[in-house]
């Protein structure tokens, strides 16, 4: 039987990969989001590795999943979410797709989406 942390790791690892797929983010970009090598993302994708609770990659994966969920709530579907991610954003002064490749940028996008959600 898996421990709770193994189960949580499996769930977040799958959610991270699923969010990347839904947002049209290639493995090379996902590796930048995690701050890991592309091979780590490929191991996650095939279930040969799991994210470790408490690691930097873990917290970054949580942030990307939050971006994905917030975008779906805000724009309705994955196609619109991918378009939003790739479009120039005046509030962020950049394309969110480029920002999410760094931890600071990922946090900016999460905060922006949360702030806009609170306005509606």
Protein backbone atom coordinates (compact mmCIF):
# COMPACT_ATOMS: atom_id res chain seq x y z
CA UNK A 1 0.00 0.00 0.00
CA UNK A 2 1.28 3.47 -0.87
CA UNK A 3 1.88 6.00 1.85
CA UNK A 4 -0.08 9.24 1.88
CA UNK A 5 2.92 11.20 0.60
CA UNK A 6 3.40 8.74 -2.30
CA UNK A 7 -0.29 9.08 -3.18
CA UNK A 8 -0.06 12.88 -3.00
CA UNK A 9 3.09 12.82 -5.11
CA UNK A 10 1.38 10.68 -7.74
CA UNK A 11 -1.65 12.97 -7.84
CA UNK A 12 0.38 16.18 -8.15
CA UNK A 13 2.74 14.64 -10.71
CA UNK A 14 -0.20 13.60 -12.90
CA UNK A 15 -2.00 16.94 -12.38
CA UNK A 16 1.15 18.83 -13.38
CA UNK A 17 1.54 16.81 -16.60
CA UNK A 18 -2.19 17.16 -17.33
CA UNK A 19 -2.07 20.94 -16.77
CA UNK A 20 0.89 21.19 -19.14
CA UNK A 21 -0.94 19.20 -21.79
CA UNK A 22 -4.10 21.25 -21.38
CA UNK A 23 -2.15 24.48 -21.72
CA UNK A 24 -0.18 23.20 -24.71
CA UNK A 25 3.16 23.39 -22.93
CA UNK A 26 5.91 21.17 -24.36
CA UNK A 27 8.19 19.12 -22.13
CA UNK A 28 11.09 21.53 -22.65
CA UNK A 29 8.96 24.40 -21.32
CA UNK A 30 7.59 22.24 -18.50
CA UNK A 31 11.14 21.51 -17.44
CA UNK A 32 11.77 25.27 -17.16
CA UNK A 33 8.57 25.63 -15.12
CA UNK A 34 9.84 22.97 -12.71
CA UNK A 35 13.44 24.15 -12.75
CA UNK A 36 14.47 20.61 -13.73
CA UNK A 37 15.91 18.79 -16.74
CA UNK A 38 13.67 17.70 -19.61
CA UNK A 39 14.43 14.10 -18.67
CA UNK A 40 12.76 14.68 -15.29
CA UNK A 41 9.56 15.79 -17.01
CA UNK A 42 9.66 12.76 -19.29
CA UNK A 43 10.12 10.46 -16.28
CA UNK A 44 7.13 12.17 -14.60
CA UNK A 45 5.06 11.82 -17.78
CA UNK A 46 5.66 8.06 -17.88
CA UNK A 47 5.22 7.52 -14.15
CA UNK A 48 8.85 6.54 -13.56
CA UNK A 49 9.41 9.42 -11.16
CA UNK A 50 7.22 11.46 -8.79
CA UNK A 51 7.52 14.97 -7.46
CA UNK A 52 8.92 15.12 -3.93
CA UNK A 53 6.85 16.96 -1.30
CA UNK A 54 8.65 20.04 -0.03
CA UNK A 55 10.93 20.38 -3.06
CA UNK A 56 11.10 23.50 -5.22
CA UNK A 57 9.74 21.46 -8.14
CA UNK A 58 6.77 20.44 -5.95
CA UNK A 59 5.84 24.05 -5.18
CA UNK A 60 6.29 25.10 -8.81
CA UNK A 61 4.07 22.22 -9.95
CA UNK A 62 1.40 23.35 -7.51
CA UNK A 63 1.59 26.86 -8.97
CA UNK A 64 1.18 25.61 -12.55
CA UNK A 65 -1.83 23.51 -11.56
CA UNK A 66 -3.28 26.62 -9.91
CA UNK A 67 -2.70 28.63 -13.11
CA UNK A 68 -4.44 25.91 -15.12
CA UNK A 69 -7.46 25.73 -12.81
CA UNK A 70 -7.75 29.52 -12.56
CA UNK A 71 -7.58 29.90 -16.33
CA UNK A 72 -10.25 27.27 -16.92
CA UNK A 73 -12.50 29.05 -14.43
CA UNK A 74 -11.81 32.43 -16.04
CA UNK A 75 -11.91 31.62 -19.76
CA UNK A 76 -13.98 28.44 -19.91
CA UNK A 77 -11.90 25.93 -21.85
CA UNK A 78 -8.39 24.81 -22.69
CA UNK A 79 -8.32 26.44 -26.12
CA UNK A 80 -9.06 29.84 -24.60
CA UNK A 81 -6.59 29.14 -21.79
CA UNK A 82 -3.82 28.38 -24.33
CA UNK A 83 -4.68 31.57 -26.23
CA UNK A 84 -4.56 33.64 -23.03
CA UNK A 85 -1.24 32.11 -22.03
CA UNK A 86 0.34 32.96 -25.38
CA UNK A 87 -1.07 36.47 -25.76
CA UNK A 88 0.59 39.68 -24.70
CA UNK A 89 -0.89 40.77 -21.37
CA UNK A 90 -0.82 44.46 -20.47
CA UNK A 91 -1.31 43.81 -16.75
CA UNK A 92 1.67 41.47 -16.67
CA UNK A 93 3.67 43.48 -19.26
CA UNK A 94 4.54 40.22 -21.00
CA UNK A 95 3.20 36.97 -22.39
CA UNK A 96 2.27 34.72 -19.47
CA UNK A 97 3.73 31.72 -21.34
CA UNK A 98 7.18 33.29 -21.06
CA UNK A 99 6.71 34.33 -17.46
CA UNK A 100 5.82 30.89 -16.14
CA UNK A 101 9.29 29.60 -17.01
CA UNK A 102 10.67 31.21 -13.84
CA UNK A 103 9.41 30.85 -10.30
CA UNK A 104 8.96 34.61 -9.93
CA UNK A 105 7.04 34.83 -13.19
CA UNK A 106 4.90 31.85 -12.27
CA UNK A 107 4.04 33.52 -8.96
CA UNK A 108 3.20 36.76 -10.83
CA UNK A 109 0.77 34.93 -13.11
CA UNK A 110 -0.90 33.18 -10.15
CA UNK A 111 -1.28 36.50 -8.30
CA UNK A 112 -2.62 38.23 -11.41
CA UNK A 113 -5.24 35.54 -11.97
CA UNK A 114 -6.23 35.57 -8.29
CA UNK A 115 -6.56 39.36 -8.27
CA UNK A 116 -8.72 39.33 -11.39
CA UNK A 117 -10.85 36.51 -10.01
CA UNK A 118 -11.55 38.57 -6.91
CA UNK A 119 -12.82 41.45 -9.06
CA UNK A 120 -15.59 39.40 -10.62
